[in-house]
Amino acid sequence: MYENPKEVRSLIRQGELIRPTAGLAPGYAQANLVVLPKDIAFDFLLFCQRNPKPCPVLEVTEPGRYEPALVACGADIRFDVSLYRIYRHGKLVAEESDIAGYWNDDLVCFLLGCSFTFESALIRAAIPLRHIDEGKNVAMYVTNIEAQPAGIFSGPIVVSMRPIPESKVVRTVQITSRFPMTHGAPLHIGDPERIGIKDMKQPDYGDYVEIKEDEVPVFWACGVTPQAVALTSKPPLMITHSPGHMFITDILDEELAVL
């Protein structure tokens, strides 16, 4: 069930599937969404170029174009994410099931690689993912690692965390390193306080999952970073996905992998 990306997007567009997308359409790449006015879009593109770990670019649309034709021909950015967030001048002002009412011909869409993409490869390697097993959103934390600023954009890097059995950490690094366009190898392994996380039980985004005695917390750069950056940089408008509610592309995971 929920294995075909076009079918998943259709259900989302019809309002019949509103949930985090981890585990949906396994084998297909998922993407973070950022929508910005044209006059600050170059600043953000430069920000992504300087910060490829949290913001690997899969596609940038022409101004006013809502079809991401390179990654999902026929899709519609305005409707095909199950939950959106609207930021204005550094404040989260709304969550919406579609963004048709916000759309205009001045907007540019960025689709950024997402770590949900490499989860199928981890599962195939018998590496357990507790947030999927428990039907939760992945846990995400704001760190003390500052992104490289560009134009108006600056702020902290956000990470996603997955508890990994200690015996499988090396294999996890090997597998995820093959996916640089979806955050690649972990940004940090082990002690969360080293990257400014004081309380693992209180993620900034998503849901907490237990870390067992034989497990190590492993942290990947996360495409929610632009949302933390929006709070500090205060662009007049930024539209994003709600954390965990990703855009599902028609690109196979392995198309983004390197040997």
C-alpha atoms as a PDB file:
ATOM      1  CA  MET A   1       0.000   0.000   0.000  1.00  0.00           C
ATOM      2  CA  TYR A   2       1.172   3.563  -0.802  1.00  0.00           C
ATOM      3  CA  GLU A   3       4.014   2.262  -2.991  1.00  0.00           C
ATOM      4  CA  ASN A   4       3.537   4.268  -6.195  1.00  0.00           C
ATOM      5  CA  PRO A   5       4.626   7.934  -5.988  1.00  0.00           C
ATOM      6  CA  LYS A   6       1.967   9.169  -8.425  1.00  0.00           C
ATOM      7  CA  GLU A   7      -0.754   7.406  -6.439  1.00  0.00           C
ATOM      8  CA  VAL A   8       0.577   8.825  -3.180  1.00  0.00           C
ATOM      9  CA  ARG A   9       0.627  12.351  -4.617  1.00  0.00           C
ATOM     10  CA  SER A  10      -2.918  11.859  -5.916  1.00  0.00           C
ATOM     11  CA  LEU A  11      -4.155  10.829  -2.476  1.00  0.00           C
ATOM     12  CA  ILE A  12      -2.383  13.808  -0.924  1.00  0.00           C
ATOM     13  CA  ARG A  13      -3.854  16.174  -3.519  1.00  0.00           C
ATOM     14  CA  GLN A  14      -7.340  14.857  -2.739  1.00  0.00           C
ATOM     15  CA  GLY A  15      -6.803  15.371   1.000  1.00  0.00           C
ATOM     16  CA  GLU A  16      -7.015  11.650   1.710  1.00  0.00           C
ATOM     17  CA  LEU A  17      -3.475  11.176   3.018  1.00  0.00           C
ATOM     18  CA  ILE A  18      -2.239  13.655   5.623  1.00  0.00           C
ATOM     19  CA  ARG A  19       0.666  12.114   7.525  1.00  0.00           C
ATOM     20  CA  PRO A  20       4.464  12.123   7.620  1.00  0.00           C
ATOM     21  CA  THR A  21       5.785  10.434   4.499  1.00  0.00           C
ATOM     22  CA  ALA A  22       8.529   8.229   5.992  1.00  0.00           C
ATOM     23  CA  GLY A  23       7.997   4.744   4.594  1.00  0.00           C
ATOM     24  CA  LEU A  24       5.693   5.849   1.759  1.00  0.00           C
ATOM     25  CA  ALA A  25       6.586   4.976  -1.850  1.00  0.00           C
ATOM     26  CA  PRO A  26       9.670   3.011  -0.771  1.00  0.00           C
ATOM     27  CA  GLY A  27      12.447   3.139  -3.302  1.00  0.00           C
ATOM     28  CA  TYR A  28      11.553   6.639  -4.523  1.00  0.00           C
ATOM     29  CA  ALA A  29      13.320   9.841  -3.547  1.00  0.00           C
ATOM     30  CA  GLN A  30      11.568  12.297  -1.267  1.00  0.00           C
ATOM     31  CA  ALA A  31      12.273  16.011  -1.137  1.00  0.00           C
ATOM     32  CA  ASN A  32      12.136  19.032   1.133  1.00  0.00           C
ATOM     33  CA  LEU A  33      10.320  22.072  -0.224  1.00  0.00           C
ATOM     34  CA  VAL A  34      11.208  25.765  -0.042  1.00  0.00           C
ATOM     35  CA  VAL A  35       9.232  28.409  -1.965  1.00  0.00           C
ATOM     36  CA  LEU A  36      10.502  32.000  -2.065  1.00  0.00           C
ATOM     37  CA  PRO A  37       9.894  35.270  -3.917  1.00  0.00           C
ATOM     38  CA  LYS A  38      12.075  35.655  -7.004  1.00  0.00           C
ATOM     39  CA  ASP A  39      14.028  38.625  -5.650  1.00  0.00           C
ATOM     40  CA  ILE A  40      15.621  36.538  -2.875  1.00  0.00           C
ATOM     41  CA  ALA A  41      15.748  33.205  -4.722  1.00  0.00           C
ATOM     42  CA  PHE A  42      19.355  33.704  -5.864  1.00  0.00           C
ATOM     43  CA  ASP A  43      20.427  34.350  -2.275  1.00  0.00           C
ATOM     44  CA  PHE A  44      18.872  31.031  -1.295  1.00  0.00           C
ATOM     45  CA  LEU A  45      20.407  29.189  -4.239  1.00  0.00           C
ATOM     46  CA  LEU A  46      23.804  30.508  -3.115  1.00  0.00           C
ATOM     47  CA  PHE A  47      22.990  29.420   0.445  1.00  0.00           C
ATOM     48  CA  CYS A  48      22.311  25.888  -0.831  1.00  0.00           C
ATOM     49  CA  GLN A  49      25.519  25.880  -2.867  1.00  0.00           C
ATOM     50  CA  ARG A  50      27.491  26.799   0.261  1.00  0.00           C
ATOM     51  CA  ASN A  51      25.649  24.273   2.434  1.00  0.00           C
ATOM     52  CA  PRO A  52      25.230  21.115   0.342  1.00  0.00           C
ATOM     53  CA  LYS A  53      24.911  18.770   3.334  1.00  0.00           C
ATOM     54  CA  PRO A  54      21.623  20.213   4.667  1.00  0.00           C
ATOM     55  CA  CYS A  55      20.453  21.701   1.335  1.00  0.00           C
ATOM     56  CA  PRO A  56      21.306  19.466  -1.659  1.00  0.00           C
ATOM     57  CA  VAL A  57      19.386  20.857  -4.632  1.00  0.00           C
ATOM     58  CA  LEU A  58      17.353  18.418  -6.747  1.00  0.00           C
ATOM     59  CA  GLU A  59      15.377  20.996  -8.745  1.00  0.00           C
ATOM     60  CA  VAL A  60      14.703  24.727  -8.969  1.00  0.00           C
ATOM     61  CA  THR A  61      11.662  25.866 -10.938  1.00  0.00           C
ATOM     62  CA  GLU A  62      11.244  28.933 -13.110  1.00  0.00           C
ATOM     63  CA  PRO A  63       9.363  31.789 -11.397  1.00  0.00           C
ATOM     64  CA  GLY A  64       5.653  31.050 -11.256  1.00  0.00           C
ATOM     65  CA  ARG A  65       6.061  27.437 -12.358  1.00  0.00           C
ATOM     66  CA  TYR A  66       4.501  24.938  -9.956  1.00  0.00           C
ATOM     67  CA  GLU A  67       5.267  21.750 -11.902  1.00  0.00           C
ATOM     68  CA  PRO A  68       8.639  20.237 -10.910  1.00  0.00           C
ATOM     69  CA  ALA A  69       9.028  18.610 -14.315  1.00  0.00           C
ATOM     70  CA  LEU A  70      12.548  17.266 -13.758  1.00  0.00           C
ATOM     71  CA  VAL A  71      11.693  15.139 -10.713  1.00  0.00           C
ATOM     72  CA  ALA A  72       7.908  14.576 -11.026  1.00  0.00           C
ATOM     73  CA  CYS A  73       6.355  15.422 -14.387  1.00  0.00           C
ATOM     74  CA  GLY A  74       2.700  16.410 -13.954  1.00  0.00           C
ATOM     75  CA  ALA A  75       2.982  17.090 -10.228  1.00  0.00           C
ATOM     76  CA  ASP A  76       1.752  20.335  -8.680  1.00  0.00           C
ATOM     77  CA  ILE A  77       3.767  21.873  -5.849  1.00  0.00           C
ATOM     78  CA  ARG A  78       0.676  23.799  -4.692  1.00  0.00           C
ATOM     79  CA  PHE A  79      -1.240  20.641  -3.738  1.00  0.00           C
ATOM     80  CA  ASP A  80       1.064  17.611  -3.640  1.00  0.00           C
ATOM     81  CA  VAL A  81       2.519  18.038  -0.142  1.00  0.00           C
ATOM     82  CA  SER A  82       0.215  16.906   2.653  1.00  0.00           C
ATOM     83  CA  LEU A  83       1.032  19.802   4.980  1.00  0.00           C
ATOM     84  CA  TYR A  84       2.758  23.145   4.352  1.00  0.00           C
ATOM     85  CA  ARG A  85       4.157  25.843   6.604  1.00  0.00           C
ATOM     86  CA  ILE A  86       3.973  29.575   5.926  1.00  0.00           C
ATOM     87  CA  TYR A  87       6.674  31.850   7.375  1.00  0.00           C
ATOM     88  CA  ARG A  88       6.446  35.643   7.220  1.00  0.00           C
ATOM     89  CA  HIS A  89       9.218  37.922   8.517  1.00  0.00           C
ATOM     90  CA  GLY A  90      10.656  35.229  10.759  1.00  0.00           C
ATOM     91  CA  LYS A  91       7.399  33.919  12.195  1.00  0.00           C
ATOM     92  CA  LEU A  92       5.476  30.723  11.495  1.00  0.00           C
ATOM     93  CA  VAL A  93       2.023  32.126  10.734  1.00  0.00           C
ATOM     94  CA  ALA A  94       0.078  29.160   9.338  1.00  0.00           C
ATOM     95  CA  GLU A  95      -0.016  25.500   8.388  1.00  0.00           C
ATOM     96  CA  GLU A  96      -2.032  24.684   5.270  1.00  0.00           C
ATOM     97  CA  SER A  97      -3.168  21.623   3.328  1.00  0.00           C
ATOM     98  CA  ASP A  98      -2.458  23.462   0.052  1.00  0.00           C
ATOM     99  CA  ILE A  99      -0.865  26.756  -0.984  1.00  0.00           C
ATOM    100  CA  ALA A 100      -3.114  27.753  -3.889  1.00  0.00           C
ATOM    101  CA  GLY A 101      -4.202  30.865  -1.992  1.00  0.00           C
ATOM    102  CA  TYR A 102      -0.585  32.001  -1.594  1.00  0.00           C
ATOM    103  CA  TRP A 103       0.534  31.293  -5.135  1.00  0.00           C
ATOM    104  CA  ASN A 104       1.642  33.978  -7.578  1.00  0.00           C
ATOM    105  CA  ASP A 105       3.859  34.216 -10.656  1.00  0.00           C
ATOM    106  CA  ASP A 106       6.765  35.622  -8.623  1.00  0.00           C
ATOM    107  CA  LEU A 107       7.448  32.441  -6.634  1.00  0.00           C
ATOM    108  CA  VAL A 108      10.382  30.069  -7.149  1.00  0.00           C
ATOM    109  CA  CYS A 109      10.318  26.480  -5.840  1.00  0.00           C
ATOM    110  CA  PHE A 110      13.341  24.616  -4.515  1.00  0.00           C
ATOM    111  CA  LEU A 111      13.259  20.854  -3.994  1.00  0.00           C
ATOM    112  CA  LEU A 112      16.047  19.631  -1.725  1.00  0.00           C
ATOM    113  CA  GLY A 113      17.157  16.067  -1.080  1.00  0.00           C
ATOM    114  CA  CYS A 114      15.718  14.323   1.994  1.00  0.00           C
ATOM    115  CA  SER A 115      17.169  11.610   4.231  1.00  0.00           C
ATOM    116  CA  PHE A 116      13.936   9.609   3.948  1.00  0.00           C
ATOM    117  CA  THR A 117      15.362   8.665   0.539  1.00  0.00           C
ATOM    118  CA  PHE A 118      18.168   6.479   1.897  1.00  0.00           C
ATOM    119  CA  GLU A 119      15.963   4.757   4.470  1.00  0.00           C
ATOM    120  CA  SER A 120      14.934   2.043   2.003  1.00  0.00           C
ATOM    121  CA  ALA A 121      18.605   1.143   1.560  1.00  0.00           C
ATOM    122  CA  LEU A 122      19.063   0.969   5.337  1.00  0.00           C
ATOM    123  CA  ILE A 123      16.019  -1.255   5.713  1.00  0.00           C
ATOM    124  CA  ARG A 124      17.267  -3.567   2.940  1.00  0.00           C
ATOM    125  CA  ALA A 125      20.504  -3.905   4.956  1.00  0.00           C
ATOM    126  CA  ALA A 126      18.483  -4.976   8.026  1.00  0.00           C
ATOM    127  CA  ILE A 127      19.234  -1.746   9.866  1.00  0.00           C
ATOM    128  CA  PRO A 128      16.137  -0.943  11.964  1.00  0.00           C
ATOM    129  CA  LEU A 129      14.509   2.489  11.857  1.00  0.00           C
ATOM    130  CA  ARG A 130      12.436   3.002  14.975  1.00  0.00           C
ATOM    131  CA  HIS A 131      10.413   5.987  13.778  1.00  0.00           C
ATOM    132  CA  ILE A 132       9.086   3.900  10.885  1.00  0.00           C
ATOM    133  CA  ASP A 133       8.471   0.840  13.073  1.00  0.00           C
ATOM    134  CA  GLU A 134       6.516   2.987  15.547  1.00  0.00           C
ATOM    135  CA  GLY A 135       4.686   5.060  12.918  1.00  0.00           C
ATOM    136  CA  LYS A 136       6.295   8.300  14.078  1.00  0.00           C
ATOM    137  CA  ASN A 137       7.911  11.284  12.440  1.00  0.00           C
ATOM    138  CA  VAL A 138      11.714  11.326  12.560  1.00  0.00           C
ATOM    139  CA  ALA A 139      13.209  13.372  15.419  1.00  0.00           C
ATOM    140  CA  MET A 140      14.894  16.628  14.339  1.00  0.00           C
ATOM    141  CA  TYR A 141      17.025  19.002  16.404  1.00  0.00           C
ATOM    142  CA  VAL A 142      18.460  22.494  15.971  1.00  0.00           C
ATOM    143  CA  THR A 143      22.226  22.363  16.525  1.00  0.00           C
ATOM    144  CA  ASN A 144      24.951  24.840  17.462  1.00  0.00           C
ATOM    145  CA  ILE A 145      26.532  24.337  14.017  1.00  0.00           C
ATOM    146  CA  GLU A 146      26.112  27.486  11.957  1.00  0.00           C
ATOM    147  CA  ALA A 147      25.437  27.234   8.239  1.00  0.00           C
ATOM    148  CA  GLN A 148      27.613  29.243   5.869  1.00  0.00           C
ATOM    149  CA  PRO A 149      25.667  32.490   5.292  1.00  0.00           C
ATOM    150  CA  ALA A 150      24.678  33.735   1.843  1.00  0.00           C
ATOM    151  CA  GLY A 151      22.875  36.971   1.029  1.00  0.00           C
ATOM    152  CA  ILE A 152      20.067  37.451   3.532  1.00  0.00           C
ATOM    153  CA  PHE A 153      20.175  33.830   4.713  1.00  0.00           C
ATOM    154  CA  SER A 154      21.989  32.621   7.837  1.00  0.00           C
ATOM    155  CA  GLY A 155      21.253  30.426  10.824  1.00  0.00           C
ATOM    156  CA  PRO A 156      21.788  27.030  12.468  1.00  0.00           C
ATOM    157  CA  ILE A 157      21.877  23.616  10.834  1.00  0.00           C
ATOM    158  CA  VAL A 158      19.104  21.186  11.774  1.00  0.00           C
ATOM    159  CA  VAL A 159      19.797  17.441  12.051  1.00  0.00           C
ATOM    160  CA  SER A 160      17.612  14.358  11.942  1.00  0.00           C
ATOM    161  CA  MET A 161      18.414  11.559  14.394  1.00  0.00           C
ATOM    162  CA  ARG A 162      18.049   7.799  14.119  1.00  0.00           C
ATOM    163  CA  PRO A 163      19.131   5.362  16.862  1.00  0.00           C
ATOM    164  CA  ILE A 164      21.413   2.779  15.244  1.00  0.00           C
ATOM    165  CA  PRO A 165      22.664  -0.464  16.845  1.00  0.00           C
ATOM    166  CA  GLU A 166      26.309   0.078  17.723  1.00  0.00           C
ATOM    167  CA  SER A 167      27.345  -2.935  15.661  1.00  0.00           C
ATOM    168  CA  LYS A 168      25.747  -1.422  12.540  1.00  0.00           C
ATOM    169  CA  VAL A 169      26.997   2.159  12.721  1.00  0.00           C
ATOM    170  CA  VAL A 170      29.883   1.610  10.295  1.00  0.00           C
ATOM    171  CA  ARG A 171      27.571  -0.068   7.770  1.00  0.00           C
ATOM    172  CA  THR A 172      25.090   2.787   8.180  1.00  0.00           C
ATOM    173  CA  VAL A 173      27.789   5.320   7.343  1.00  0.00           C
ATOM    174  CA  GLN A 174      28.828   3.292   4.298  1.00  0.00           C
ATOM    175  CA  ILE A 175      25.272   3.052   2.975  1.00  0.00           C
ATOM    176  CA  THR A 176      24.243   6.658   3.501  1.00  0.00           C
ATOM    177  CA  SER A 177      27.538   7.957   2.087  1.00  0.00           C
ATOM    178  CA  ARG A 178      26.313   6.687  -1.286  1.00  0.00           C
ATOM    179  CA  PHE A 179      23.520   9.292  -1.253  1.00  0.00           C
ATOM    180  CA  PRO A 180      25.192  12.737  -1.213  1.00  0.00           C
ATOM    181  CA  MET A 181      22.133  14.323  -2.848  1.00  0.00           C
ATOM    182  CA  THR A 182      20.018  13.255   0.141  1.00  0.00           C
ATOM    183  CA  HIS A 183      22.367  14.485   2.911  1.00  0.00           C
ATOM    184  CA  GLY A 184      24.908  11.666   2.577  1.00  0.00           C
ATOM    185  CA  ALA A 185      27.009  10.481   5.493  1.00  0.00           C
ATOM    186  CA  PRO A 186      26.102  11.483   9.053  1.00  0.00           C
ATOM    187  CA  LEU A 187      27.072  14.931  10.262  1.00  0.00           C
ATOM    188  CA  HIS A 188      27.673  13.650  13.809  1.00  0.00           C
ATOM    189  CA  ILE A 189      27.686  10.345  15.704  1.00  0.00           C
ATOM    190  CA  GLY A 190      27.299   9.970  19.450  1.00  0.00           C
ATOM    191  CA  ASP A 191      27.191  12.608  22.199  1.00  0.00           C
ATOM    192  CA  PRO A 192      24.381  15.059  21.289  1.00  0.00           C
ATOM    193  CA  GLU A 193      25.727  17.788  23.576  1.00  0.00           C
ATOM    194  CA  ARG A 194      28.745  18.137  21.280  1.00  0.00           C
ATOM    195  CA  ILE A 195      26.410  19.697  18.698  1.00  0.00           C
ATOM    196  CA  GLY A 196      24.356  21.710  21.183  1.00  0.00           C
ATOM    197  CA  ILE A 197      21.456  19.305  21.843  1.00  0.00           C
ATOM    198  CA  LYS A 198      20.632  19.456  25.551  1.00  0.00           C
ATOM    199  CA  ASP A 199      17.564  17.218  25.798  1.00  0.00           C
ATOM    200  CA  MET A 200      17.085  14.389  23.332  1.00  0.00           C
ATOM    201  CA  LYS A 201      13.562  13.798  24.616  1.00  0.00           C
ATOM    202  CA  GLN A 202      12.493  17.240  23.357  1.00  0.00           C
ATOM    203  CA  PRO A 203      13.117  17.386  19.604  1.00  0.00           C
ATOM    204  CA  ASP A 204      12.577  20.761  17.942  1.00  0.00           C
ATOM    205  CA  TYR A 205      10.655  19.045  15.152  1.00  0.00           C
ATOM    206  CA  GLY A 206       9.154  15.567  14.793  1.00  0.00           C
ATOM    207  CA  ASP A 207       8.761  12.868  17.453  1.00  0.00           C
ATOM    208  CA  TYR A 208      11.126  11.498  20.068  1.00  0.00           C
ATOM    209  CA  VAL A 209      12.072   7.824  19.814  1.00  0.00           C
ATOM    210  CA  GLU A 210      13.845   5.801  22.496  1.00  0.00           C
ATOM    211  CA  ILE A 211      17.588   5.213  22.279  1.00  0.00           C
ATOM    212  CA  LYS A 212      18.367   1.803  23.772  1.00  0.00           C
ATOM    213  CA  GLU A 213      21.515   0.784  25.640  1.00  0.00           C
ATOM    214  CA  ASP A 214      23.087  -0.985  22.664  1.00  0.00           C
ATOM    215  CA  GLU A 215      22.331   1.901  20.293  1.00  0.00           C
ATOM    216  CA  VAL A 216      24.108   5.090  19.252  1.00  0.00           C
ATOM    217  CA  PRO A 217      22.319   8.302  18.198  1.00  0.00           C
ATOM    218  CA  VAL A 218      23.334   9.115  14.626  1.00  0.00           C
ATOM    219  CA  PHE A 219      22.659  12.572  13.206  1.00  0.00           C
ATOM    220  CA  TRP A 220      22.281  13.618   9.569  1.00  0.00           C
ATOM    221  CA  ALA A 221      22.094  17.145   8.178  1.00  0.00           C
ATOM    222  CA  CYS A 222      18.425  17.890   7.563  1.00  0.00           C
ATOM    223  CA  GLY A 223      16.421  19.787   4.973  1.00  0.00           C
ATOM    224  CA  VAL A 224      14.410  21.452   7.722  1.00  0.00           C
ATOM    225  CA  THR A 225      17.450  23.723   8.105  1.00  0.00           C
ATOM    226  CA  PRO A 226      15.831  26.415   5.874  1.00  0.00           C
ATOM    227  CA  GLN A 227      12.937  26.628   8.333  1.00  0.00           C
ATOM    228  CA  ALA A 228      15.313  27.349  11.219  1.00  0.00           C
ATOM    229  CA  VAL A 229      17.080  29.826   8.939  1.00  0.00           C
ATOM    230  CA  ALA A 230      13.736  31.528   8.200  1.00  0.00           C
ATOM    231  CA  LEU A 231      13.337  32.277  11.911  1.00  0.00           C
ATOM    232  CA  THR A 232      16.688  34.060  12.061  1.00  0.00           C
ATOM    233  CA  SER A 233      16.876  35.598   8.574  1.00  0.00           C
ATOM    234  CA  LYS A 234      13.242  36.773   8.489  1.00  0.00           C
ATOM    235  CA  PRO A 235      12.479  36.676   4.742  1.00  0.00           C
ATOM    236  CA  PRO A 236       9.170  38.399   3.913  1.00  0.00           C
ATOM    237  CA  LEU A 237       7.751  35.040   2.800  1.00  0.00           C
ATOM    238  CA  MET A 238       8.971  31.443   2.885  1.00  0.00           C
ATOM    239  CA  ILE A 239       6.679  28.502   2.184  1.00  0.00           C
ATOM    240  CA  THR A 240       7.926  25.042   3.141  1.00  0.00           C
ATOM    241  CA  HIS A 241       6.712  21.528   3.787  1.00  0.00           C
ATOM    242  CA  SER A 242       5.759  20.782   7.374  1.00  0.00           C
ATOM    243  CA  PRO A 243       8.646  18.757   8.859  1.00  0.00           C
ATOM    244  CA  GLY A 244       8.274  15.107   7.876  1.00  0.00           C
ATOM    245  CA  HIS A 245       5.591  15.817   5.249  1.00  0.00           C
ATOM    246  CA  MET A 246       7.790  15.557   2.178  1.00  0.00           C
ATOM    247  CA  PHE A 247       7.247  15.882  -1.563  1.00  0.00           C
ATOM    248  CA  ILE A 248       7.547  12.429  -3.158  1.00  0.00           C
ATOM    249  CA  THR A 249       9.311  12.400  -6.521  1.00  0.00           C
ATOM    250  CA  ASP A 250       9.307   9.908  -9.391  1.00  0.00           C
ATOM    251  CA  ILE A 251      13.079   9.472  -9.108  1.00  0.00           C
ATOM    252  CA  LEU A 252      14.314   6.114  -7.863  1.00  0.00           C
ATOM    253  CA  ASP A 253      16.570   6.255  -4.817  1.00  0.00           C
ATOM    254  CA  GLU A 254      19.318   4.475  -6.735  1.00  0.00           C
ATOM    255  CA  GLU A 255      19.312   7.181  -9.404  1.00  0.00           C
ATOM    256  CA  LEU A 256      20.693   9.529  -6.734  1.00  0.00           C
ATOM    257  CA  ALA A 257      23.245   7.041  -5.421  1.00  0.00           C
ATOM    258  CA  VAL A 258      26.936   6.984  -6.266  1.00  0.00           C
ATOM    259  CA  LEU A 259      29.086   3.866  -6.542  1.00  0.00           C
END
